[in-house]
Amino acid sequence: MSIVFVVFVLASACTGTGGEADGPSTTSAAPGEFGGTLSFMAFGDPEELMAYRELIDAFQVAEPGVTVEFIETSDRDDLIARLSTAFAGGAPPDLFLMN
């Protein structure tokens, strides 16, 4: 199920210790001590998008130092176009869902 995948990805994204200048990780962060913003791009039916929003809200309560920017796309074609543009411009979302 895609919701379970999103939970896993959001949780694992917050345990990294990376040091990328443009990335969401803070240097020398211990697991569970991430602070910053994650961008998440996805599309879906209205019910699915609502479930993502609820999941993001619950995640932000559990990880108060993390802000998740949810980028909704209208459909799969819009998602592919926006991802292509974001990657070409060097600023892709931190997380994205591909069905």
PDB file of N, CA and C in Angstrom:
ATOM      1  N   MET A   1       0.842  -1.178   0.000  1.00  0.00           N
ATOM      2  CA  MET A   1       0.000   0.000   0.000  1.00  0.00           C
ATOM      3  C   MET A   1       0.886   1.240   0.000  1.00  0.00           C
ATOM      4  N   SER A   2       0.515   2.247  -0.765  1.00  0.00           N
ATOM      5  CA  SER A   2       1.363   3.424  -0.934  1.00  0.00           C
ATOM      6  C   SER A   2       1.479   4.260   0.337  1.00  0.00           C
ATOM      7  N   ILE A   3       0.480   4.273   1.204  1.00  0.00           N
ATOM      8  CA  ILE A   3       0.550   5.041   2.445  1.00  0.00           C
ATOM      9  C   ILE A   3       1.680   4.499   3.319  1.00  0.00           C
ATOM     10  N   VAL A   4       1.779   3.178   3.413  1.00  0.00           N
ATOM     11  CA  VAL A   4       2.839   2.567   4.207  1.00  0.00           C
ATOM     12  C   VAL A   4       4.201   2.970   3.655  1.00  0.00           C
ATOM     13  N   PHE A   5       4.327   2.990   2.343  1.00  0.00           N
ATOM     14  CA  PHE A   5       5.583   3.389   1.710  1.00  0.00           C
ATOM     15  C   PHE A   5       5.937   4.826   2.080  1.00  0.00           C
ATOM     16  N   VAL A   6       4.958   5.721   2.036  1.00  0.00           N
ATOM     17  CA  VAL A   6       5.209   7.117   2.356  1.00  0.00           C
ATOM     18  C   VAL A   6       5.662   7.259   3.798  1.00  0.00           C
ATOM     19  N   VAL A   7       5.016   6.531   4.720  1.00  0.00           N
ATOM     20  CA  VAL A   7       5.426   6.580   6.124  1.00  0.00           C
ATOM     21  C   VAL A   7       6.875   6.137   6.251  1.00  0.00           C
ATOM     22  N   PHE A   8       7.216   5.045   5.605  1.00  0.00           N
ATOM     23  CA  PHE A   8       8.579   4.540   5.662  1.00  0.00           C
ATOM     24  C   PHE A   8       9.567   5.557   5.106  1.00  0.00           C
ATOM     25  N   VAL A   9       9.248   6.133   3.966  1.00  0.00           N
ATOM     26  CA  VAL A   9      10.155   7.080   3.329  1.00  0.00           C
ATOM     27  C   VAL A   9      10.305   8.339   4.176  1.00  0.00           C
ATOM     28  N   LEU A  10       9.196   8.866   4.691  1.00  0.00           N
ATOM     29  CA  LEU A  10       9.285  10.064   5.521  1.00  0.00           C
ATOM     30  C   LEU A  10      10.103   9.794   6.776  1.00  0.00           C
ATOM     31  N   ALA A  11       9.865   8.644   7.392  1.00  0.00           N
ATOM     32  CA  ALA A  11      10.605   8.309   8.609  1.00  0.00           C
ATOM     33  C   ALA A  11      12.085   8.116   8.313  1.00  0.00           C
ATOM     34  N   SER A  12      12.397   7.416   7.242  1.00  0.00           N
ATOM     35  CA  SER A  12      13.799   7.172   6.935  1.00  0.00           C
ATOM     36  C   SER A  12      14.501   8.442   6.478  1.00  0.00           C
ATOM     37  N   ALA A  13      13.789   9.355   5.874  1.00  0.00           N
ATOM     38  CA  ALA A  13      14.407  10.611   5.444  1.00  0.00           C
ATOM     39  C   ALA A  13      14.855  11.444   6.630  1.00  0.00           C
ATOM     40  N   CYS A  14      14.219  11.251   7.746  1.00  0.00           N
ATOM     41  CA  CYS A  14      14.558  12.044   8.927  1.00  0.00           C
ATOM     42  C   CYS A  14      15.665  11.433   9.762  1.00  0.00           C
ATOM     43  N   THR A  15      16.154  10.277   9.391  1.00  0.00           N
ATOM     44  CA  THR A  15      17.208   9.665  10.180  1.00  0.00           C
ATOM     45  C   THR A  15      18.572   9.856   9.562  1.00  0.00           C
ATOM     46  N   GLY A  16      18.650  10.496   8.416  1.00  0.00           N
ATOM     47  CA  GLY A  16      19.928  10.690   7.748  1.00  0.00           C
ATOM     48  C   GLY A  16      20.794  11.701   8.471  1.00  0.00           C
ATOM     49  N   THR A  17      22.079  11.605   8.203  1.00  0.00           N
ATOM     50  CA  THR A  17      23.017  12.551   8.796  1.00  0.00           C
ATOM     51  C   THR A  17      23.764  13.317   7.728  1.00  0.00           C
ATOM     52  N   GLY A  18      23.253  13.297   6.516  1.00  0.00           N
ATOM     53  CA  GLY A  18      23.941  13.888   5.383  1.00  0.00           C
ATOM     54  C   GLY A  18      24.454  15.281   5.643  1.00  0.00           C
ATOM     55  N   GLY A  19      25.273  15.757   4.756  1.00  0.00           N
ATOM     56  CA  GLY A  19      25.818  17.086   4.914  1.00  0.00           C
ATOM     57  C   GLY A  19      25.661  17.900   3.655  1.00  0.00           C
ATOM     58  N   GLU A  20      24.697  17.578   2.828  1.00  0.00           N
ATOM     59  CA  GLU A  20      24.513  18.295   1.583  1.00  0.00           C
ATOM     60  C   GLU A  20      24.127  19.737   1.871  1.00  0.00           C
ATOM     61  N   ALA A  21      24.732  20.652   1.149  1.00  0.00           N
ATOM     62  CA  ALA A  21      24.440  22.063   1.359  1.00  0.00           C
ATOM     63  C   ALA A  21      22.999  22.392   1.001  1.00  0.00           C
ATOM     64  N   ASP A  22      22.465  21.795  -0.058  1.00  0.00           N
ATOM     65  CA  ASP A  22      21.115  22.111  -0.497  1.00  0.00           C
ATOM     66  C   ASP A  22      20.092  21.107  -0.006  1.00  0.00           C
ATOM     67  N   GLY A  23      20.515  20.032   0.631  1.00  0.00           N
ATOM     68  CA  GLY A  23      19.605  18.986   1.050  1.00  0.00           C
ATOM     69  C   GLY A  23      18.938  19.308   2.365  1.00  0.00           C
ATOM     70  N   PRO A  24      17.970  18.477   2.754  1.00  0.00           N
ATOM     71  CA  PRO A  24      17.214  18.751   3.954  1.00  0.00           C
ATOM     72  C   PRO A  24      17.929  18.347   5.234  1.00  0.00           C
ATOM     73  N   SER A  25      19.008  17.607   5.146  1.00  0.00           N
ATOM     74  CA  SER A  25      19.670  17.086   6.333  1.00  0.00           C
ATOM     75  C   SER A  25      20.497  18.154   7.017  1.00  0.00           C
ATOM     76  N   THR A  26      20.586  18.032   8.328  1.00  0.00           N
ATOM     77  CA  THR A  26      21.479  18.908   9.067  1.00  0.00           C
ATOM     78  C   THR A  26      22.761  18.136   9.306  1.00  0.00           C
ATOM     79  N   THR A  27      23.867  18.811   9.406  1.00  0.00           N
ATOM     80  CA  THR A  27      25.119  18.108   9.627  1.00  0.00           C
ATOM     81  C   THR A  27      25.157  17.540  11.033  1.00  0.00           C
ATOM     82  N   SER A  28      25.712  16.365  11.151  1.00  0.00           N
ATOM     83  CA  SER A  28      25.876  15.671  12.417  1.00  0.00           C
ATOM     84  C   SER A  28      24.576  15.446  13.171  1.00  0.00           C
ATOM     85  N   ALA A  29      23.472  15.317  12.481  1.00  0.00           N
ATOM     86  CA  ALA A  29      22.192  15.062  13.148  1.00  0.00           C
ATOM     87  C   ALA A  29      22.110  13.599  13.537  1.00  0.00           C
ATOM     88  N   ALA A  30      21.683  13.367  14.745  1.00  0.00           N
ATOM     89  CA  ALA A  30      21.471  11.993  15.204  1.00  0.00           C
ATOM     90  C   ALA A  30      20.099  11.544  14.727  1.00  0.00           C
ATOM     91  N   PRO A  31      19.901  10.233  14.589  1.00  0.00           N
ATOM     92  CA  PRO A  31      18.583   9.753  14.185  1.00  0.00           C
ATOM     93  C   PRO A  31      17.489  10.342  15.069  1.00  0.00           C
ATOM     94  N   GLY A  32      16.422  10.809  14.422  1.00  0.00           N
ATOM     95  CA  GLY A  32      15.310  11.397  15.149  1.00  0.00           C
ATOM     96  C   GLY A  32      15.514  12.859  15.511  1.00  0.00           C
ATOM     97  N   GLU A  33      16.664  13.451  15.148  1.00  0.00           N
ATOM     98  CA  GLU A  33      16.941  14.843  15.469  1.00  0.00           C
ATOM     99  C   GLU A  33      17.042  15.705  14.219  1.00  0.00           C
ATOM    100  N   PHE A  34      16.401  15.303  13.181  1.00  0.00           N
ATOM    101  CA  PHE A  34      16.416  16.056  11.932  1.00  0.00           C
ATOM    102  C   PHE A  34      15.606  17.328  12.099  1.00  0.00           C
ATOM    103  N   GLY A  35      16.043  18.373  11.506  1.00  0.00           N
ATOM    104  CA  GLY A  35      15.274  19.601  11.488  1.00  0.00           C
ATOM    105  C   GLY A  35      15.365  20.208  10.104  1.00  0.00           C
ATOM    106  N   GLY A  36      14.284  20.645   9.576  1.00  0.00           N
ATOM    107  CA  GLY A  36      14.299  21.257   8.262  1.00  0.00           C
ATOM    108  C   GLY A  36      13.015  21.015   7.512  1.00  0.00           C
ATOM    109  N   THR A  37      13.095  21.151   6.224  1.00  0.00           N
ATOM    110  CA  THR A  37      11.928  21.004   5.365  1.00  0.00           C
ATOM    111  C   THR A  37      12.163  19.896   4.363  1.00  0.00           C
ATOM    112  N   LEU A  38      11.159  19.059   4.199  1.00  0.00           N
ATOM    113  CA  LEU A  38      11.147  18.021   3.171  1.00  0.00           C
ATOM    114  C   LEU A  38      10.065  18.367   2.176  1.00  0.00           C
ATOM    115  N   SER A  39      10.354  18.220   0.901  1.00  0.00           N
ATOM    116  CA  SER A  39       9.320  18.412  -0.110  1.00  0.00           C
ATOM    117  C   SER A  39       8.883  17.042  -0.619  1.00  0.00           C
ATOM    118  N   PHE A  40       7.585  16.867  -0.757  1.00  0.00           N
ATOM    119  CA  PHE A  40       6.990  15.600  -1.173  1.00  0.00           C
ATOM    120  C   PHE A  40       5.999  15.872  -2.286  1.00  0.00           C
ATOM    121  N   MET A  41       6.226  15.282  -3.468  1.00  0.00           N
ATOM    122  CA  MET A  41       5.369  15.491  -4.624  1.00  0.00           C
ATOM    123  C   MET A  41       4.625  14.206  -4.946  1.00  0.00           C
ATOM    124  N   ALA A  42       3.294  14.339  -5.146  1.00  0.00           N
ATOM    125  CA  ALA A  42       2.476  13.168  -5.468  1.00  0.00           C
ATOM    126  C   ALA A  42       1.183  13.612  -6.145  1.00  0.00           C
ATOM    127  N   PHE A  43       0.512  12.651  -6.738  1.00  0.00           N
ATOM    128  CA  PHE A  43      -0.824  12.881  -7.270  1.00  0.00           C
ATOM    129  C   PHE A  43      -1.708  11.750  -6.778  1.00  0.00           C
ATOM    130  N   GLY A  44      -3.008  11.929  -6.922  1.00  0.00           N
ATOM    131  CA  GLY A  44      -3.925  10.874  -6.520  1.00  0.00           C
ATOM    132  C   GLY A  44      -5.357  11.361  -6.527  1.00  0.00           C
ATOM    133  N   ASP A  45      -6.251  10.443  -6.225  1.00  0.00           N
ATOM    134  CA  ASP A  45      -7.657  10.792  -6.064  1.00  0.00           C
ATOM    135  C   ASP A  45      -7.795  11.692  -4.839  1.00  0.00           C
ATOM    136  N   PRO A  46      -8.886  12.443  -4.756  1.00  0.00           N
ATOM    137  CA  PRO A  46      -9.059  13.329  -3.599  1.00  0.00           C
ATOM    138  C   PRO A  46      -8.921  12.609  -2.250  1.00  0.00           C
ATOM    139  N   GLU A  47      -9.427  11.405  -2.153  1.00  0.00           N
ATOM    140  CA  GLU A  47      -9.324  10.647  -0.903  1.00  0.00           C
ATOM    141  C   GLU A  47      -7.872  10.297  -0.587  1.00  0.00           C
ATOM    142  N   GLU A  48      -7.126   9.929  -1.610  1.00  0.00           N
ATOM    143  CA  GLU A  48      -5.715   9.597  -1.417  1.00  0.00           C
ATOM    144  C   GLU A  48      -4.911  10.829  -0.999  1.00  0.00           C
ATOM    145  N   LEU A  49      -5.181  11.964  -1.642  1.00  0.00           N
ATOM    146  CA  LEU A  49      -4.489  13.199  -1.279  1.00  0.00           C
ATOM    147  C   LEU A  49      -4.810  13.600   0.160  1.00  0.00           C
ATOM    148  N   MET A  50      -6.067  13.401   0.572  1.00  0.00           N
ATOM    149  CA  MET A  50      -6.445  13.702   1.946  1.00  0.00           C
ATOM    150  C   MET A  50      -5.680  12.791   2.914  1.00  0.00           C
ATOM    151  N   ALA A  51      -5.527  11.520   2.550  1.00  0.00           N
ATOM    152  CA  ALA A  51      -4.775  10.587   3.393  1.00  0.00           C
ATOM    153  C   ALA A  51      -3.317  11.019   3.503  1.00  0.00           C
ATOM    154  N   TYR A  52      -2.719  11.489   2.412  1.00  0.00           N
ATOM    155  CA  TYR A  52      -1.344  11.992   2.467  1.00  0.00           C
ATOM    156  C   TYR A  52      -1.243  13.191   3.404  1.00  0.00           C
ATOM    157  N   ARG A  53      -2.217  14.120   3.291  1.00  0.00           N
ATOM    158  CA  ARG A  53      -2.202  15.301   4.157  1.00  0.00           C
ATOM    159  C   ARG A  53      -2.306  14.909   5.628  1.00  0.00           C
ATOM    160  N   GLU A  54      -3.176  13.948   5.936  1.00  0.00           N
ATOM    161  CA  GLU A  54      -3.326  13.478   7.320  1.00  0.00           C
ATOM    162  C   GLU A  54      -2.042  12.807   7.804  1.00  0.00           C
ATOM    163  N   LEU A  55      -1.427  12.028   6.936  1.00  0.00           N
ATOM    164  CA  LEU A  55      -0.168  11.377   7.273  1.00  0.00           C
ATOM    165  C   LEU A  55       0.931  12.405   7.531  1.00  0.00           C
ATOM    166  N   ILE A  56       0.998  13.410   6.692  1.00  0.00           N
ATOM    167  CA  ILE A  56       1.992  14.469   6.860  1.00  0.00           C
ATOM    168  C   ILE A  56       1.756  15.204   8.174  1.00  0.00           C
ATOM    169  N   ASP A  57       0.491  15.515   8.475  1.00  0.00           N
ATOM    170  CA  ASP A  57       0.182  16.193   9.741  1.00  0.00           C
ATOM    171  C   ASP A  57       0.632  15.349  10.929  1.00  0.00           C
ATOM    172  N   ALA A  58       0.335  14.052  10.901  1.00  0.00           N
ATOM    173  CA  ALA A  58       0.731  13.162  11.998  1.00  0.00           C
ATOM    174  C   ALA A  58       2.255  13.076  12.099  1.00  0.00           C
ATOM    175  N   PHE A  59       2.926  13.024  10.965  1.00  0.00           N
ATOM    176  CA  PHE A  59       4.383  12.975  10.956  1.00  0.00           C
ATOM    177  C   PHE A  59       4.977  14.229  11.584  1.00  0.00           C
ATOM    178  N   GLN A  60       4.418  15.396  11.226  1.00  0.00           N
ATOM    179  CA  GLN A  60       4.939  16.658  11.754  1.00  0.00           C
ATOM    180  C   GLN A  60       4.693  16.781  13.257  1.00  0.00           C
ATOM    181  N   VAL A  61       3.653  16.154  13.771  1.00  0.00           N
ATOM    182  CA  VAL A  61       3.428  16.129  15.212  1.00  0.00           C
ATOM    183  C   VAL A  61       4.505  15.269  15.870  1.00  0.00           C
ATOM    184  N   ALA A  62       4.805  14.122  15.247  1.00  0.00           N
ATOM    185  CA  ALA A  62       5.821  13.213  15.791  1.00  0.00           C
ATOM    186  C   ALA A  62       7.231  13.775  15.653  1.00  0.00           C
ATOM    187  N   GLU A  63       7.470  14.563  14.628  1.00  0.00           N
ATOM    188  CA  GLU A  63       8.781  15.175  14.358  1.00  0.00           C
ATOM    189  C   GLU A  63       8.598  16.683  14.243  1.00  0.00           C
ATOM    190  N   PRO A  64       8.462  17.383  15.375  1.00  0.00           N
ATOM    191  CA  PRO A  64       8.125  18.809  15.330  1.00  0.00           C
ATOM    192  C   PRO A  64       9.172  19.698  14.651  1.00  0.00           C
ATOM    193  N   GLY A  65      10.377  19.238  14.498  1.00  0.00           N
ATOM    194  CA  GLY A  65      11.397  20.043  13.834  1.00  0.00           C
ATOM    195  C   GLY A  65      11.376  19.926  12.325  1.00  0.00           C
ATOM    196  N   VAL A  66      10.441  19.135  11.801  1.00  0.00           N
ATOM    197  CA  VAL A  66      10.387  18.883  10.369  1.00  0.00           C
ATOM    198  C   VAL A  66       9.123  19.488   9.777  1.00  0.00           C
ATOM    199  N   THR A  67       9.277  20.199   8.697  1.00  0.00           N
ATOM    200  CA  THR A  67       8.150  20.715   7.942  1.00  0.00           C
ATOM    201  C   THR A  67       8.108  19.955   6.621  1.00  0.00           C
ATOM    202  N   VAL A  68       6.935  19.478   6.259  1.00  0.00           N
ATOM    203  CA  VAL A  68       6.773  18.775   4.989  1.00  0.00           C
ATOM    204  C   VAL A  68       5.963  19.660   4.058  1.00  0.00           C
ATOM    205  N   GLU A  69       6.568  19.980   2.920  1.00  0.00           N
ATOM    206  CA  GLU A  69       5.879  20.740   1.880  1.00  0.00           C
ATOM    207  C   GLU A  69       5.274  19.730   0.916  1.00  0.00           C
ATOM    208  N   PHE A  70       3.951  19.647   0.883  1.00  0.00           N
ATOM    209  CA  PHE A  70       3.266  18.690   0.018  1.00  0.00           C
ATOM    210  C   PHE A  70       2.942  19.368  -1.302  1.00  0.00           C
ATOM    211  N   ILE A  71       3.539  18.870  -2.372  1.00  0.00           N
ATOM    212  CA  ILE A  71       3.329  19.419  -3.711  1.00  0.00           C
ATOM    213  C   ILE A  71       2.396  18.473  -4.451  1.00  0.00           C
ATOM    214  N   GLU A  72       1.146  18.896  -4.608  1.00  0.00           N
ATOM    215  CA  GLU A  72       0.147  18.067  -5.283  1.00  0.00           C
ATOM    216  C   GLU A  72       0.181  18.343  -6.778  1.00  0.00           C
ATOM    217  N   THR A  73       0.145  17.282  -7.568  1.00  0.00           N
ATOM    218  CA  THR A  73       0.055  17.430  -9.015  1.00  0.00           C
ATOM    219  C   THR A  73      -1.301  16.896  -9.460  1.00  0.00           C
ATOM    220  N   SER A  74      -1.761  17.352 -10.608  1.00  0.00           N
ATOM    221  CA  SER A  74      -3.122  17.026 -11.039  1.00  0.00           C
ATOM    222  C   SER A  74      -3.289  15.585 -11.509  1.00  0.00           C
ATOM    223  N   ASP A  75      -2.248  15.036 -12.110  1.00  0.00           N
ATOM    224  CA  ASP A  75      -2.320  13.656 -12.599  1.00  0.00           C
ATOM    225  C   ASP A  75      -0.899  13.152 -12.872  1.00  0.00           C
ATOM    226  N   ARG A  76      -0.807  11.928 -13.362  1.00  0.00           N
ATOM    227  CA  ARG A  76       0.506  11.322 -13.598  1.00  0.00           C
ATOM    228  C   ARG A  76       1.334  12.125 -14.608  1.00  0.00           C
ATOM    229  N   ASP A  77       0.703  12.566 -15.684  1.00  0.00           N
ATOM    230  CA  ASP A  77       1.432  13.334 -16.696  1.00  0.00           C
ATOM    231  C   ASP A  77       1.993  14.635 -16.113  1.00  0.00           C
ATOM    232  N   ASP A  78       1.199  15.307 -15.279  1.00  0.00           N
ATOM    233  CA  ASP A  78       1.656  16.530 -14.625  1.00  0.00           C
ATOM    234  C   ASP A  78       2.820  16.225 -13.688  1.00  0.00           C
ATOM    235  N   LEU A  79       2.724  15.116 -12.959  1.00  0.00           N
ATOM    236  CA  LEU A  79       3.804  14.714 -12.062  1.00  0.00           C
ATOM    237  C   LEU A  79       5.097  14.504 -12.835  1.00  0.00           C
ATOM    238  N   ILE A  80       5.023  13.744 -13.935  1.00  0.00           N
ATOM    239  CA  ILE A  80       6.219  13.471 -14.741  1.00  0.00           C
ATOM    240  C   ILE A  80       6.807  14.768 -15.295  1.00  0.00           C
ATOM    241  N   ALA A  81       5.952  15.652 -15.788  1.00  0.00           N
ATOM    242  CA  ALA A  81       6.434  16.922 -16.341  1.00  0.00           C
ATOM    243  C   ALA A  81       7.104  17.775 -15.268  1.00  0.00           C
ATOM    244  N   ARG A  82       6.479  17.852 -14.104  1.00  0.00           N
ATOM    245  CA  ARG A  82       7.038  18.677 -13.036  1.00  0.00           C
ATOM    246  C   ARG A  82       8.327  18.075 -12.475  1.00  0.00           C
ATOM    247  N   LEU A  83       8.370  16.752 -12.366  1.00  0.00           N
ATOM    248  CA  LEU A  83       9.601  16.097 -11.917  1.00  0.00           C
ATOM    249  C   LEU A  83      10.733  16.327 -12.917  1.00  0.00           C
ATOM    250  N   SER A  84      10.416  16.172 -14.202  1.00  0.00           N
ATOM    251  CA  SER A  84      11.431  16.386 -15.239  1.00  0.00           C
ATOM    252  C   SER A  84      11.996  17.796 -15.165  1.00  0.00           C
ATOM    253  N   THR A  85      11.116  18.765 -15.011  1.00  0.00           N
ATOM    254  CA  THR A  85      11.548  20.163 -14.911  1.00  0.00           C
ATOM    255  C   THR A  85      12.379  20.386 -13.651  1.00  0.00           C
ATOM    256  N   ALA A  86      11.929  19.809 -12.534  1.00  0.00           N
ATOM    257  CA  ALA A  86      12.643  19.987 -11.270  1.00  0.00           C
ATOM    258  C   ALA A  86      14.036  19.362 -11.329  1.00  0.00           C
ATOM    259  N   PHE A  87      14.137  18.148 -11.900  1.00  0.00           N
ATOM    260  CA  PHE A  87      15.449  17.513 -12.008  1.00  0.00           C
ATOM    261  C   PHE A  87      16.343  18.283 -12.968  1.00  0.00           C
ATOM    262  N   ALA A  88      15.785  18.737 -14.082  1.00  0.00           N
ATOM    263  CA  ALA A  88      16.582  19.493 -15.051  1.00  0.00           C
ATOM    264  C   ALA A  88      17.082  20.797 -14.441  1.00  0.00           C
ATOM    265  N   GLY A  89      16.281  21.391 -13.564  1.00  0.00           N
ATOM    266  CA  GLY A  89      16.666  22.643 -12.917  1.00  0.00           C
ATOM    267  C   GLY A  89      17.539  22.444 -11.693  1.00  0.00           C
ATOM    268  N   GLY A  90      17.804  21.185 -11.328  1.00  0.00           N
ATOM    269  CA  GLY A  90      18.659  20.903 -10.195  1.00  0.00           C
ATOM    270  C   GLY A  90      17.990  21.050  -8.838  1.00  0.00           C
ATOM    271  N   ALA A  91      16.662  21.065  -8.810  1.00  0.00           N
ATOM    272  CA  ALA A  91      15.954  21.236  -7.537  1.00  0.00           C
ATOM    273  C   ALA A  91      14.763  20.278  -7.441  1.00  0.00           C
ATOM    274  N   PRO A  92      15.027  18.967  -7.491  1.00  0.00           N
ATOM    275  CA  PRO A  92      13.910  18.015  -7.407  1.00  0.00           C
ATOM    276  C   PRO A  92      13.369  17.954  -5.979  1.00  0.00           C
ATOM    277  N   PRO A  93      12.130  17.458  -5.825  1.00  0.00           N
ATOM    278  CA  PRO A  93      11.605  17.286  -4.469  1.00  0.00           C
ATOM    279  C   PRO A  93      12.425  16.226  -3.734  1.00  0.00           C
ATOM    280  N   ASP A  94      12.410  16.297  -2.411  1.00  0.00           N
ATOM    281  CA  ASP A  94      13.127  15.309  -1.616  1.00  0.00           C
ATOM    282  C   ASP A  94      12.505  13.925  -1.755  1.00  0.00           C
ATOM    283  N   LEU A  95      11.175  13.895  -1.834  1.00  0.00           N
ATOM    284  CA  LEU A  95      10.429  12.646  -1.953  1.00  0.00           C
ATOM    285  C   LEU A  95       9.392  12.802  -3.043  1.00  0.00           C
ATOM    286  N   PHE A  96       9.134  11.731  -3.767  1.00  0.00           N
ATOM    287  CA  PHE A  96       8.040  11.753  -4.736  1.00  0.00           C
ATOM    288  C   PHE A  96       7.518  10.340  -4.895  1.00  0.00           C
ATOM    289  N   LEU A  97       6.263  10.266  -5.282  1.00  0.00           N
ATOM    290  CA  LEU A  97       5.580   8.996  -5.418  1.00  0.00           C
ATOM    291  C   LEU A  97       5.365   8.674  -6.887  1.00  0.00           C
ATOM    292  N   MET A  98       5.843   7.525  -7.305  1.00  0.00           N
ATOM    293  CA  MET A  98       5.643   7.074  -8.683  1.00  0.00           C
ATOM    294  C   MET A  98       4.835   5.798  -8.650  1.00  0.00           C
ATOM    295  N   ASN A  99       3.710   5.789  -9.299  1.00  0.00           N
ATOM    296  CA  ASN A  99       2.898   4.574  -9.408  1.00  0.00           C
ATOM    297  C   ASN A  99       3.178   3.913 -10.734  1.00  0.00           C
TER     298      ASN A  99
END
